[in-house]
PDB file of N, CA and C in Angstrom:
ATOM      1  N   MET A   1      32.874 110.885  87.344  1.00  0.00           N
ATOM      2  CA  MET A   1      31.761 110.629  86.476  1.00  0.00           C
ATOM      3  C   MET A   1      30.805 111.670  87.971  1.00  0.00           C
ATOM      4  N   ASP A   2      29.933 112.168  86.821  1.00  0.00           N
ATOM      5  CA  ASP A   2      28.990 112.914  87.665  1.00  0.00           C
ATOM      6  C   ASP A   2      27.464 112.420  87.255  1.00  0.00           C
ATOM      7  N   VAL A   3      26.793 112.031  88.578  1.00  0.00           N
ATOM      8  CA  VAL A   3      25.544 111.596  88.200  1.00  0.00           C
ATOM      9  C   VAL A   3      24.380 112.816  87.810  1.00  0.00           C
ATOM     10  N   LYS A   4      23.918 112.647  86.786  1.00  0.00           N
ATOM     11  CA  LYS A   4      22.761 113.793  86.559  1.00  0.00           C
ATOM     12  C   LYS A   4      21.672 113.208  86.803  1.00  0.00           C
ATOM     13  N   GLN A   5      21.306 112.408  87.195  1.00  0.00           N
ATOM     14  CA  GLN A   5      19.951 111.906  87.663  1.00  0.00           C
ATOM     15  C   GLN A   5      19.908 110.772  88.459  1.00  0.00           C
ATOM     16  N   TYR A   6      19.583 110.553  89.783  1.00  0.00           N
ATOM     17  CA  TYR A   6      19.725 109.686  90.595  1.00  0.00           C
ATOM     18  C   TYR A   6      18.534 109.195  91.195  1.00  0.00           C
ATOM     19  N   GLU A   7      18.174 107.612  90.285  1.00  0.00           N
ATOM     20  CA  GLU A   7      16.912 107.313  90.267  1.00  0.00           C
ATOM     21  C   GLU A   7      17.102 105.691  90.352  1.00  0.00           C
ATOM     22  N   ILE A   8      16.848 105.033  91.548  1.00  0.00           N
ATOM     23  CA  ILE A   8      16.743 103.638  91.350  1.00  0.00           C
ATOM     24  C   ILE A   8      15.357 103.029  91.067  1.00  0.00           C
ATOM     25  N   THR A   9      15.494 102.451  90.226  1.00  0.00           N
ATOM     26  CA  THR A   9      14.326 101.569  89.964  1.00  0.00           C
ATOM     27  C   THR A   9      14.488 100.219  89.222  1.00  0.00           C
ATOM     28  N   ASN A  10      13.624  99.250  89.033  1.00  0.00           N
ATOM     29  CA  ASN A  10      13.854  98.076  88.246  1.00  0.00           C
ATOM     30  C   ASN A  10      13.413  97.916  86.783  1.00  0.00           C
ATOM     31  N   LEU A  11      13.929  97.657  85.937  1.00  0.00           N
ATOM     32  CA  LEU A  11      13.389  97.617  84.618  1.00  0.00           C
ATOM     33  C   LEU A  11      13.536  96.382  84.189  1.00  0.00           C
ATOM     34  N   SER A  12      12.320  95.828  83.658  1.00  0.00           N
ATOM     35  CA  SER A  12      12.039  94.560  82.751  1.00  0.00           C
ATOM     36  C   SER A  12      13.366  94.517  81.662  1.00  0.00           C
ATOM     37  N   ASN A  13      13.426  93.361  81.172  1.00  0.00           N
ATOM     38  CA  ASN A  13      14.293  92.688  80.304  1.00  0.00           C
ATOM     39  C   ASN A  13      13.624  93.678  79.076  1.00  0.00           C
ATOM     40  N   TYR A  14      12.674  93.720  78.957  1.00  0.00           N
ATOM     41  CA  TYR A  14      11.634  94.296  77.704  1.00  0.00           C
ATOM     42  C   TYR A  14      12.264  95.619  77.480  1.00  0.00           C
ATOM     43  N   GLU A  15      12.255  96.602  78.732  1.00  0.00           N
ATOM     44  CA  GLU A  15      12.658  97.816  78.697  1.00  0.00           C
ATOM     45  C   GLU A  15      14.219  97.991  78.624  1.00  0.00           C
ATOM     46  N   VAL A  16      14.997  97.157  79.256  1.00  0.00           N
ATOM     47  CA  VAL A  16      16.274  97.225  78.835  1.00  0.00           C
ATOM     48  C   VAL A  16      16.692  96.609  77.615  1.00  0.00           C
ATOM     49  N   MET A  17      15.821  95.926  76.625  1.00  0.00           N
ATOM     50  CA  MET A  17      16.504  95.614  75.224  1.00  0.00           C
ATOM     51  C   MET A  17      15.679  97.004  74.690  1.00  0.00           C
ATOM     52  N   VAL A  18      14.633  97.508  74.759  1.00  0.00           N
ATOM     53  CA  VAL A  18      14.554  98.847  73.928  1.00  0.00           C
ATOM     54  C   VAL A  18      15.535  99.828  74.193  1.00  0.00           C
ATOM     55  N   HIS A  19      15.845 100.380  75.168  1.00  0.00           N
ATOM     56  CA  HIS A  19      16.917 101.347  75.983  1.00  0.00           C
ATOM     57  C   HIS A  19      18.492 100.672  74.911  1.00  0.00           C
ATOM     58  N   LEU A  20      18.889  99.850  74.922  1.00  0.00           N
ATOM     59  CA  LEU A  20      19.862  98.920  74.131  1.00  0.00           C
ATOM     60  C   LEU A  20      19.702  99.451  72.601  1.00  0.00           C
ATOM     61  N   GLN A  21      18.611  99.007  72.141  1.00  0.00           N
ATOM     62  CA  GLN A  21      18.011  99.206  70.594  1.00  0.00           C
ATOM     63  C   GLN A  21      18.291 100.735  70.678  1.00  0.00           C
ATOM     64  N   GLN A  22      18.029 101.776  71.385  1.00  0.00           N
ATOM     65  CA  GLN A  22      17.985 102.841  71.244  1.00  0.00           C
ATOM     66  C   GLN A  22      19.623 103.533  71.189  1.00  0.00           C
ATOM     67  N   ILE A  23      20.320 102.835  71.951  1.00  0.00           N
ATOM     68  CA  ILE A  23      21.493 103.279  72.040  1.00  0.00           C
ATOM     69  C   ILE A  23      22.177 102.762  70.968  1.00  0.00           C
ATOM     70  N   LYS A  24      21.911 101.731  70.336  1.00  0.00           N
ATOM     71  CA  LYS A  24      22.555 101.063  69.110  1.00  0.00           C
ATOM     72  C   LYS A  24      22.179 101.806  68.203  1.00  0.00           C
ATOM     73  N   GLU A  25      21.339 102.514  67.913  1.00  0.00           N
ATOM     74  CA  GLU A  25      20.755 103.320  66.564  1.00  0.00           C
ATOM     75  C   GLU A  25      21.437 104.330  66.751  1.00  0.00           C
ATOM     76  N   GLN A  26      21.853 105.100  67.908  1.00  0.00           N
ATOM     77  CA  GLN A  26      22.138 106.453  68.185  1.00  0.00           C
ATOM     78  C   GLN A  26      23.880 106.476  67.752  1.00  0.00           C
ATOM     79  N   ARG A  27      24.346 105.185  67.899  1.00  0.00           N
ATOM     80  CA  ARG A  27      25.997 105.168  67.610  1.00  0.00           C
ATOM     81  C   ARG A  27      26.065 105.191  66.462  1.00  0.00           C
ATOM     82  N   THR A  28      27.231 105.957  66.111  1.00  0.00           N
ATOM     83  CA  THR A  28      27.370 105.973  64.660  1.00  0.00           C
ATOM     84  C   THR A  28      28.816 105.183  64.217  1.00  0.00           C
ATOM     85  N   SER A  29      29.538 105.111  65.334  1.00  0.00           N
ATOM     86  CA  SER A  29      30.709 103.970  65.400  1.00  0.00           C
ATOM     87  C   SER A  29      30.713 102.928  65.950  1.00  0.00           C
ATOM     88  N   GLY A  30      30.776 101.817  65.371  1.00  0.00           N
ATOM     89  CA  GLY A  30      30.669 100.598  66.427  1.00  0.00           C
ATOM     90  C   GLY A  30      31.660  99.922  66.981  1.00  0.00           C
ATOM     91  N   LYS A  31      32.644 100.705  67.565  1.00  0.00           N
ATOM     92  CA  LYS A  31      33.634 100.629  68.677  1.00  0.00           C
ATOM     93  C   LYS A  31      33.850 100.271  69.631  1.00  0.00           C
ATOM     94  N   GLY A  32      34.816  99.573  70.645  1.00  0.00           N
ATOM     95  CA  GLY A  32      34.564  99.990  71.568  1.00  0.00           C
ATOM     96  C   GLY A  32      33.906  98.950  72.755  1.00  0.00           C
ATOM     97  N   GLN A  33      34.253  99.224  74.061  1.00  0.00           N
ATOM     98  CA  GLN A  33      33.100  98.212  75.216  1.00  0.00           C
ATOM     99  C   GLN A  33      31.688  98.242  74.766  1.00  0.00           C
ATOM    100  N   LEU A  34      31.409  99.763  75.044  1.00  0.00           N
ATOM    101  CA  LEU A  34      29.888  99.741  74.906  1.00  0.00           C
ATOM    102  C   LEU A  34      29.180  99.274  73.708  1.00  0.00           C
ATOM    103  N   ALA A  35      29.846  99.247  72.503  1.00  0.00           N
ATOM    104  CA  ALA A  35      29.096  98.680  71.425  1.00  0.00           C
ATOM    105  C   ALA A  35      29.204  97.163  71.646  1.00  0.00           C
ATOM    106  N   THR A  36      30.308  96.359  72.263  1.00  0.00           N
ATOM    107  CA  THR A  36      30.384  95.001  72.699  1.00  0.00           C
ATOM    108  C   THR A  36      29.390  94.505  73.334  1.00  0.00           C
ATOM    109  N   ILE A  37      29.150  95.571  74.383  1.00  0.00           N
ATOM    110  CA  ILE A  37      28.274  94.752  75.464  1.00  0.00           C
ATOM    111  C   ILE A  37      26.798  95.019  74.998  1.00  0.00           C
ATOM    112  N   THR A  38      26.299  96.561  74.065  1.00  0.00           N
ATOM    113  CA  THR A  38      25.141  96.385  73.913  1.00  0.00           C
ATOM    114  C   THR A  38      24.548  95.229  72.561  1.00  0.00           C
ATOM    115  N   TYR A  39      25.640  94.952  72.187  1.00  0.00           N
ATOM    116  CA  TYR A  39      25.449  93.671  70.968  1.00  0.00           C
ATOM    117  C   TYR A  39      25.258  92.266  71.783  1.00  0.00           C
ATOM    118  N   GLU A  40      25.917  92.097  72.757  1.00  0.00           N
ATOM    119  CA  GLU A  40      25.905  90.892  73.473  1.00  0.00           C
ATOM    120  C   GLU A  40      24.456  90.549  74.102  1.00  0.00           C
ATOM    121  N   ALA A  41      24.307  92.247  74.802  1.00  0.00           N
ATOM    122  CA  ALA A  41      23.109  92.406  75.796  1.00  0.00           C
ATOM    123  C   ALA A  41      21.659  92.112  74.841  1.00  0.00           C
ATOM    124  N   LEU A  42      22.251  92.594  73.542  1.00  0.00           N
ATOM    125  CA  LEU A  42      20.850  92.788  72.671  1.00  0.00           C
ATOM    126  C   LEU A  42      20.797  91.301  71.893  1.00  0.00           C
ATOM    127  N   LYS A  43      21.619  90.593  71.988  1.00  0.00           N
ATOM    128  CA  LYS A  43      21.672  89.242  71.359  1.00  0.00           C
ATOM    129  C   LYS A  43      21.037  88.406  72.187  1.00  0.00           C
ATOM    130  N   TYR A  44      21.184  88.587  73.372  1.00  0.00           N
ATOM    131  CA  TYR A  44      20.430  87.801  74.450  1.00  0.00           C
ATOM    132  C   TYR A  44      18.862  88.076  74.727  1.00  0.00           C
ATOM    133  N   LEU A  45      18.898  89.289  74.628  1.00  0.00           N
ATOM    134  CA  LEU A  45      17.454  89.593  74.895  1.00  0.00           C
ATOM    135  C   LEU A  45      16.426  89.472  73.858  1.00  0.00           C
ATOM    136  N   GLU A  46      17.129  89.709  72.696  1.00  0.00           N
ATOM    137  CA  GLU A  46      16.407  89.600  71.294  1.00  0.00           C
ATOM    138  C   GLU A  46      15.913  87.866  71.145  1.00  0.00           C
ATOM    139  N   SER A  47      16.663  87.018  71.872  1.00  0.00           N
ATOM    140  CA  SER A  47      16.523  85.405  71.787  1.00  0.00           C
ATOM    141  C   SER A  47      15.828  84.993  72.830  1.00  0.00           C
ATOM    142  N   SER A  48      14.878  85.806  73.947  1.00  0.00           N
ATOM    143  CA  SER A  48      14.194  85.395  75.090  1.00  0.00           C
ATOM    144  C   SER A  48      12.627  85.565  74.720  1.00  0.00           C
ATOM    145  N   GLY A  49      12.102  85.709  76.046  1.00  0.00           N
ATOM    146  CA  GLY A  49      10.663  86.191  75.274  1.00  0.00           C
ATOM    147  C   GLY A  49      10.453  87.369  75.483  1.00  0.00           C
ATOM    148  N   CYS A  50      11.077  88.469  75.745  1.00  0.00           N
ATOM    149  CA  CYS A  50      11.057  89.598  75.774  1.00  0.00           C
ATOM    150  C   CYS A  50      10.464  90.236  74.364  1.00  0.00           C
ATOM    151  N   GLN A  51      11.125  89.637  73.477  1.00  0.00           N
ATOM    152  CA  GLN A  51      11.026  89.983  71.961  1.00  0.00           C
ATOM    153  C   GLN A  51       9.838  90.088  71.921  1.00  0.00           C
ATOM    154  N   THR A  52       8.769  89.174  72.043  1.00  0.00           N
ATOM    155  CA  THR A  52       7.423  89.346  71.855  1.00  0.00           C
ATOM    156  C   THR A  52       6.612  90.114  72.519  1.00  0.00           C
ATOM    157  N   GLN A  53       7.047  90.729  73.583  1.00  0.00           N
ATOM    158  CA  GLN A  53       6.462  91.644  74.525  1.00  0.00           C
ATOM    159  C   GLN A  53       6.146  92.685  74.104  1.00  0.00           C
ATOM    160  N   ILE A  54       5.379  93.685  74.315  1.00  0.00           N
ATOM    161  CA  ILE A  54       4.736  94.936  74.089  1.00  0.00           C
ATOM    162  C   ILE A  54       4.114  95.834  75.143  1.00  0.00           C
ATOM    163  N   PRO A  55       4.539  96.968  75.332  1.00  0.00           N
ATOM    164  CA  PRO A  55       4.106  97.552  76.884  1.00  0.00           C
ATOM    165  C   PRO A  55       2.486  97.378  77.302  1.00  0.00           C
ATOM    166  N   GLU A  56       1.838  97.228  76.291  1.00  0.00           N
ATOM    167  CA  GLU A  56       0.101  96.924  76.316  1.00  0.00           C
ATOM    168  C   GLU A  56      -0.046  95.662  77.067  1.00  0.00           C
ATOM    169  N   LYS A  57       0.549  94.661  76.309  1.00  0.00           N
ATOM    170  CA  LYS A  57       0.479  93.327  77.075  1.00  0.00           C
ATOM    171  C   LYS A  57       1.065  93.198  78.547  1.00  0.00           C
ATOM    172  N   ILE A  58       2.006  93.905  78.352  1.00  0.00           N
ATOM    173  CA  ILE A  58       2.729  93.809  80.058  1.00  0.00           C
ATOM    174  C   ILE A  58       1.777  94.741  81.064  1.00  0.00           C
ATOM    175  N   ARG A  59       1.116  95.704  80.582  1.00  0.00           N
ATOM    176  CA  ARG A  59       0.437  96.721  81.697  1.00  0.00           C
ATOM    177  C   ARG A  59      -0.844  95.392  81.744  1.00  0.00           C
ATOM    178  N   LYS A  60      -1.627  95.261  80.461  1.00  0.00           N
ATOM    179  CA  LYS A  60      -2.973  94.196  81.118  1.00  0.00           C
ATOM    180  C   LYS A  60      -2.190  92.766  81.948  1.00  0.00           C
ATOM    181  N   CYS A  61      -1.314  92.287  81.693  1.00  0.00           N
ATOM    182  CA  CYS A  61      -0.744  91.436  82.379  1.00  0.00           C
ATOM    183  C   CYS A  61      -0.642  91.416  83.908  1.00  0.00           C
ATOM    184  N   LEU A  62      -0.083  92.541  84.351  1.00  0.00           N
ATOM    185  CA  LEU A  62       0.112  93.572  85.520  1.00  0.00           C
ATOM    186  C   LEU A  62      -1.172  93.667  86.102  1.00  0.00           C
ATOM    187  N   SER A  63      -2.091  94.201  85.552  1.00  0.00           N
ATOM    188  CA  SER A  63      -3.280  94.625  86.157  1.00  0.00           C
ATOM    189  C   SER A  63      -4.090  93.319  86.629  1.00  0.00           C
ATOM    190  N   ALA A  64      -4.159  92.365  85.630  1.00  0.00           N
ATOM    191  CA  ALA A  64      -4.675  91.028  85.733  1.00  0.00           C
ATOM    192  C   ALA A  64      -4.272  90.524  87.148  1.00  0.00           C
ATOM    193  N   LEU A  65      -3.034  90.758  87.308  1.00  0.00           N
ATOM    194  CA  LEU A  65      -2.256  89.774  88.789  1.00  0.00           C
ATOM    195  C   LEU A  65      -2.331  90.699  89.872  1.00  0.00           C
ATOM    196  N   ALA A  66      -2.834  92.247  89.522  1.00  0.00           N
ATOM    197  CA  ALA A  66      -3.011  92.793  90.651  1.00  0.00           C
ATOM    198  C   ALA A  66      -3.938  91.853  91.975  1.00  0.00           C
ATOM    199  N   PRO A  67      -4.968  91.291  92.059  1.00  0.00           N
ATOM    200  CA  PRO A  67      -5.712  90.710  93.047  1.00  0.00           C
ATOM    201  C   PRO A  67      -4.711  89.695  93.741  1.00  0.00           C
ATOM    202  N   TYR A  68      -3.606  89.290  93.358  1.00  0.00           N
ATOM    203  CA  TYR A  68      -3.155  88.310  94.073  1.00  0.00           C
ATOM    204  C   TYR A  68      -1.740  88.928  94.990  1.00  0.00           C
ATOM    205  N   ASN A  69      -1.887  90.128  95.225  1.00  0.00           N
ATOM    206  CA  ASN A  69      -0.961  90.703  96.264  1.00  0.00           C
ATOM    207  C   ASN A  69       0.674  90.398  95.933  1.00  0.00           C
ATOM    208  N   LEU A  70       1.121  90.445  94.572  1.00  0.00           N
ATOM    209  CA  LEU A  70       2.240  89.807  94.578  1.00  0.00           C
ATOM    210  C   LEU A  70       3.327  91.320  94.797  1.00  0.00           C
ATOM    211  N   LYS A  71       4.674  90.703  95.091  1.00  0.00           N
ATOM    212  CA  LYS A  71       5.601  91.972  95.292  1.00  0.00           C
ATOM    213  C   LYS A  71       5.807  92.251  93.807  1.00  0.00           C
ATOM    214  N   LYS A  72       6.682  93.471  93.836  1.00  0.00           N
ATOM    215  CA  LYS A  72       7.247  93.982  92.768  1.00  0.00           C
ATOM    216  C   LYS A  72       8.506  93.228  92.129  1.00  0.00           C
ATOM    217  N   THR A  73       8.997  92.883  93.050  1.00  0.00           N
ATOM    218  CA  THR A  73      10.119  92.169  92.438  1.00  0.00           C
ATOM    219  C   THR A  73       9.500  90.618  91.936  1.00  0.00           C
ATOM    220  N   GLU A  74       8.398  90.062  92.412  1.00  0.00           N
ATOM    221  CA  GLU A  74       7.739  88.871  91.878  1.00  0.00           C
ATOM    222  C   GLU A  74       6.890  89.255  90.465  1.00  0.00           C
ATOM    223  N   LYS A  75       6.589  90.213  90.281  1.00  0.00           N
ATOM    224  CA  LYS A  75       5.938  90.859  89.193  1.00  0.00           C
ATOM    225  C   LYS A  75       6.820  90.776  88.372  1.00  0.00           C
ATOM    226  N   LEU A  76       8.403  91.620  88.761  1.00  0.00           N
ATOM    227  CA  LEU A  76       9.345  91.899  87.489  1.00  0.00           C
ATOM    228  C   LEU A  76       9.682  90.392  86.715  1.00  0.00           C
ATOM    229  N   MET A  77      10.065  89.262  87.944  1.00  0.00           N
ATOM    230  CA  MET A  77      10.221  87.952  87.593  1.00  0.00           C
ATOM    231  C   MET A  77       9.210  87.322  86.827  1.00  0.00           C
ATOM    232  N   ILE A  78       8.061  87.635  86.888  1.00  0.00           N
ATOM    233  CA  ILE A  78       7.224  86.873  86.191  1.00  0.00           C
ATOM    234  C   ILE A  78       7.089  87.359  84.950  1.00  0.00           C
ATOM    235  N   ILE A  79       7.415  88.727  84.544  1.00  0.00           N
ATOM    236  CA  ILE A  79       7.305  89.586  83.114  1.00  0.00           C
ATOM    237  C   ILE A  79       8.617  88.852  82.545  1.00  0.00           C
ATOM    238  N   ASN A  80       9.844  88.852  83.292  1.00  0.00           N
ATOM    239  CA  ASN A  80      11.227  88.599  82.717  1.00  0.00           C
ATOM    240  C   ASN A  80      10.808  87.303  82.158  1.00  0.00           C
ATOM    241  N   THR A  81      10.863  86.541  83.371  1.00  0.00           N
ATOM    242  CA  THR A  81      10.865  84.643  82.543  1.00  0.00           C
ATOM    243  C   THR A  81       9.385  84.344  82.950  1.00  0.00           C
ATOM    244  N   PRO A  82       8.680  84.508  82.279  1.00  0.00           N
ATOM    245  CA  PRO A  82       7.295  83.832  82.406  1.00  0.00           C
ATOM    246  C   PRO A  82       6.830  82.400  82.864  1.00  0.00           C
ATOM    247  N   PRO A  83       6.569  82.227  83.896  1.00  0.00           N
ATOM    248  CA  PRO A  83       6.585  80.650  84.341  1.00  0.00           C
ATOM    249  C   PRO A  83       5.318  80.067  83.582  1.00  0.00           C
ATOM    250  N   THR A  84       5.707  78.900  83.409  1.00  0.00           N
ATOM    251  CA  THR A  84       4.727  77.892  82.676  1.00  0.00           C
ATOM    252  C   THR A  84       4.497  76.813  83.834  1.00  0.00           C
ATOM    253  N   THR A  85       4.839  76.684  84.520  1.00  0.00           N
ATOM    254  CA  THR A  85       4.420  75.300  85.487  1.00  0.00           C
ATOM    255  C   THR A  85       4.465  75.961  86.800  1.00  0.00           C
ATOM    256  N   GLU A  86       3.765  75.115  88.010  1.00  0.00           N
ATOM    257  CA  GLU A  86       3.251  75.544  89.232  1.00  0.00           C
ATOM    258  C   GLU A  86       4.477  75.379  90.132  1.00  0.00           C
ATOM    259  N   LEU A  87       5.623  75.145  89.797  1.00  0.00           N
ATOM    260  CA  LEU A  87       7.005  74.327  90.402  1.00  0.00           C
ATOM    261  C   LEU A  87       7.203  76.291  90.207  1.00  0.00           C
ATOM    262  N   GLU A  88       7.465  76.629  89.212  1.00  0.00           N
ATOM    263  CA  GLU A  88       8.110  77.809  88.782  1.00  0.00           C
ATOM    264  C   GLU A  88       7.434  79.087  89.236  1.00  0.00           C
ATOM    265  N   ILE A  89       5.978  78.797  89.603  1.00  0.00           N
ATOM    266  CA  ILE A  89       5.681  80.180  90.547  1.00  0.00           C
ATOM    267  C   ILE A  89       5.892  80.040  92.238  1.00  0.00           C
ATOM    268  N   GLN A  90       6.258  78.523  92.405  1.00  0.00           N
ATOM    269  CA  GLN A  90       6.444  78.435  93.802  1.00  0.00           C
ATOM    270  C   GLN A  90       7.982  78.856  93.848  1.00  0.00           C
ATOM    271  N   LEU A  91       8.770  79.060  92.969  1.00  0.00           N
ATOM    272  CA  LEU A  91      10.155  79.732  92.858  1.00  0.00           C
ATOM    273  C   LEU A  91      10.018  80.940  92.968  1.00  0.00           C
ATOM    274  N   ILE A  92       9.040  81.475  92.237  1.00  0.00           N
ATOM    275  CA  ILE A  92       9.257  82.998  92.199  1.00  0.00           C
ATOM    276  C   ILE A  92       8.712  83.670  93.363  1.00  0.00           C
ATOM    277  N   VAL A  93       7.218  83.144  93.695  1.00  0.00           N
ATOM    278  CA  VAL A  93       6.501  84.088  94.892  1.00  0.00           C
ATOM    279  C   VAL A  93       6.947  83.654  96.350  1.00  0.00           C
ATOM    280  N   GLU A  94       7.605  84.344  96.503  1.00  0.00           N
ATOM    281  CA  GLU A  94       7.866  84.138  98.289  1.00  0.00           C
ATOM    282  C   GLU A  94       6.920  83.405  99.127  1.00  0.00           C
ATOM    283  N   ASN A  95       6.921  82.432 100.161  1.00  0.00           N
ATOM    284  CA  ASN A  95       5.924  81.813 100.600  1.00  0.00           C
ATOM    285  C   ASN A  95       4.984  81.505  99.786  1.00  0.00           C
ATOM    286  N   SER A  96       4.990  81.064  98.597  1.00  0.00           N
ATOM    287  CA  SER A  96       3.655  80.893  97.940  1.00  0.00           C
ATOM    288  C   SER A  96       2.721  79.890  98.495  1.00  0.00           C
ATOM    289  N   GLU A  97       3.094  78.541  99.135  1.00  0.00           N
ATOM    290  CA  GLU A  97       2.330  77.953 100.039  1.00  0.00           C
ATOM    291  C   GLU A  97       0.966  78.446 100.624  1.00  0.00           C
ATOM    292  N   GLU A  98       1.690  79.281 101.418  1.00  0.00           N
ATOM    293  CA  GLU A  98       1.020  80.342 102.387  1.00  0.00           C
ATOM    294  C   GLU A  98       0.071  81.688 101.500  1.00  0.00           C
ATOM    295  N   ARG A  99       0.235  81.894 100.547  1.00  0.00           N
ATOM    296  CA  ARG A  99      -0.120  83.372 100.115  1.00  0.00           C
ATOM    297  C   ARG A  99      -0.878  83.016  98.966  1.00  0.00           C
ATOM    298  N   LEU A 100      -0.717  81.869  98.186  1.00  0.00           N
ATOM    299  CA  LEU A 100      -1.624  81.274  97.373  1.00  0.00           C
ATOM    300  C   LEU A 100      -2.482  80.310  97.458  1.00  0.00           C
ATOM    301  N   THR A 101      -3.351  79.399  96.792  1.00  0.00           N
ATOM    302  CA  THR A 101      -3.991  78.535  96.862  1.00  0.00           C
ATOM    303  C   THR A 101      -3.457  77.829  95.686  1.00  0.00           C
ATOM    304  N   ASP A 102      -3.948  76.700  95.318  1.00  0.00           N
ATOM    305  CA  ASP A 102      -3.671  75.931  93.872  1.00  0.00           C
ATOM    306  C   ASP A 102      -4.615  76.560  93.010  1.00  0.00           C
ATOM    307  N   ALA A 103      -5.361  76.970  93.317  1.00  0.00           N
ATOM    308  CA  ALA A 103      -6.689  77.778  92.237  1.00  0.00           C
ATOM    309  C   ALA A 103      -5.846  78.928  91.814  1.00  0.00           C
ATOM    310  N   HIS A 104      -5.474  79.371  92.724  1.00  0.00           N
ATOM    311  CA  HIS A 104      -4.688  80.623  92.645  1.00  0.00           C
ATOM    312  C   HIS A 104      -3.677  81.011  91.426  1.00  0.00           C
ATOM    313  N   VAL A 105      -2.777  79.751  92.056  1.00  0.00           N
ATOM    314  CA  VAL A 105      -1.624  79.579  91.094  1.00  0.00           C
ATOM    315  C   VAL A 105      -2.240  78.675  89.619  1.00  0.00           C
ATOM    316  N   ASN A 106      -3.014  78.390  89.492  1.00  0.00           N
ATOM    317  CA  ASN A 106      -3.740  78.295  88.134  1.00  0.00           C
ATOM    318  C   ASN A 106      -4.254  79.299  87.277  1.00  0.00           C
ATOM    319  N   GLU A 107      -4.477  80.217  88.021  1.00  0.00           N
ATOM    320  CA  GLU A 107      -5.533  81.251  87.827  1.00  0.00           C
ATOM    321  C   GLU A 107      -3.951  82.352  87.138  1.00  0.00           C
ATOM    322  N   ILE A 108      -2.972  82.317  87.905  1.00  0.00           N
ATOM    323  CA  ILE A 108      -1.864  83.179  87.498  1.00  0.00           C
ATOM    324  C   ILE A 108      -1.283  82.540  86.464  1.00  0.00           C
ATOM    325  N   LEU A 109      -0.993  81.150  86.325  1.00  0.00           N
ATOM    326  CA  LEU A 109      -0.423  80.861  84.851  1.00  0.00           C
ATOM    327  C   LEU A 109      -1.278  81.113  83.814  1.00  0.00           C
ATOM    328  N   ASN A 110      -2.622  80.904  83.729  1.00  0.00           N
ATOM    329  CA  ASN A 110      -3.668  81.312  82.568  1.00  0.00           C
ATOM    330  C   ASN A 110      -3.412  82.590  82.419  1.00  0.00           C
ATOM    331  N   ILE A 111      -3.349  83.454  83.464  1.00  0.00           N
ATOM    332  CA  ILE A 111      -3.298  85.092  83.154  1.00  0.00           C
ATOM    333  C   ILE A 111      -1.985  85.209  82.547  1.00  0.00           C
ATOM    334  N   ILE A 112      -0.748  84.611  82.879  1.00  0.00           N
ATOM    335  CA  ILE A 112       0.699  84.944  82.079  1.00  0.00           C
ATOM    336  C   ILE A 112       0.408  84.464  80.580  1.00  0.00           C
ATOM    337  N   ASN A 113      -0.352  83.377  80.471  1.00  0.00           N
ATOM    338  CA  ASN A 113      -0.206  82.632  79.393  1.00  0.00           C
ATOM    339  C   ASN A 113      -1.398  83.405  78.052  1.00  0.00           C
ATOM    340  N   VAL A 114      -2.391  83.947  78.812  1.00  0.00           N
ATOM    341  CA  VAL A 114      -3.049  84.537  77.815  1.00  0.00           C
ATOM    342  C   VAL A 114      -2.168  86.223  77.759  1.00  0.00           C
ATOM    343  N   HIS A 115      -1.539  86.816  78.413  1.00  0.00           N
ATOM    344  CA  HIS A 115      -1.378  87.931  77.878  1.00  0.00           C
ATOM    345  C   HIS A 115       0.248  88.071  77.671  1.00  0.00           C
ATOM    346  N   LEU A 116       0.860  87.158  77.885  1.00  0.00           N
ATOM    347  CA  LEU A 116       2.245  86.922  77.389  1.00  0.00           C
ATOM    348  C   LEU A 116       2.426  86.009  76.620  1.00  0.00           C
ATOM    349  N   GLY A 117       1.892  84.908  76.896  1.00  0.00           N
ATOM    350  CA  GLY A 117       2.173  83.834  75.973  1.00  0.00           C
ATOM    351  C   GLY A 117       3.599  83.265  76.438  1.00  0.00           C
ATOM    352  N   ILE A 118       3.615  82.032  75.766  1.00  0.00           N
ATOM    353  CA  ILE A 118       4.737  81.206  76.225  1.00  0.00           C
ATOM    354  C   ILE A 118       5.631  81.278  74.934  1.00  0.00           C
ATOM    355  N   PRO A 119       6.758  81.738  75.130  1.00  0.00           N
ATOM    356  CA  PRO A 119       7.922  81.966  74.262  1.00  0.00           C
ATOM    357  C   PRO A 119       8.122  80.708  73.422  1.00  0.00           C
ATOM    358  N   LYS A 120       7.925  80.964  72.210  1.00  0.00           N
ATOM    359  CA  LYS A 120       8.281  79.993  71.034  1.00  0.00           C
ATOM    360  C   LYS A 120      10.290  79.555  71.253  1.00  0.00           C
ATOM    361  N   GLU A 121      10.643  78.528  71.466  1.00  0.00           N
ATOM    362  CA  GLU A 121      12.110  78.196  71.492  1.00  0.00           C
ATOM    363  C   GLU A 121      12.718  78.209  70.127  1.00  0.00           C
ATOM    364  N   LYS A 122      13.579  78.686  69.638  1.00  0.00           N
ATOM    365  CA  LYS A 122      14.343  78.898  68.552  1.00  0.00           C
ATOM    366  C   LYS A 122      15.052  77.843  68.343  1.00  0.00           C
TER     367      LYS A 122
END
């Protein structure tokens, strides 16, 4: 297998979902391992919160989170699985007790709720 483009980056669940939807649309035959993996991954992602996300909402949320000096991986986890409680913020943000005040945690939760919303359970 030849690697044509070698680039390492982290993708959000939304970006993966969009890419898999494009693969699904391009494939004419629905047989084989790629079709199975694509189907199963899309089934999971479309039932998750990323189904309601759009790039504009994600950009606005990341811009609003900028003052809190979160790491890229922390932002990615927030986008992929938007936290709804203070405990979830503590689990996502490394050394959150030292880096964030209680007011910051509440502000972050508010930002997430405003820009990403809480996904509704099916």
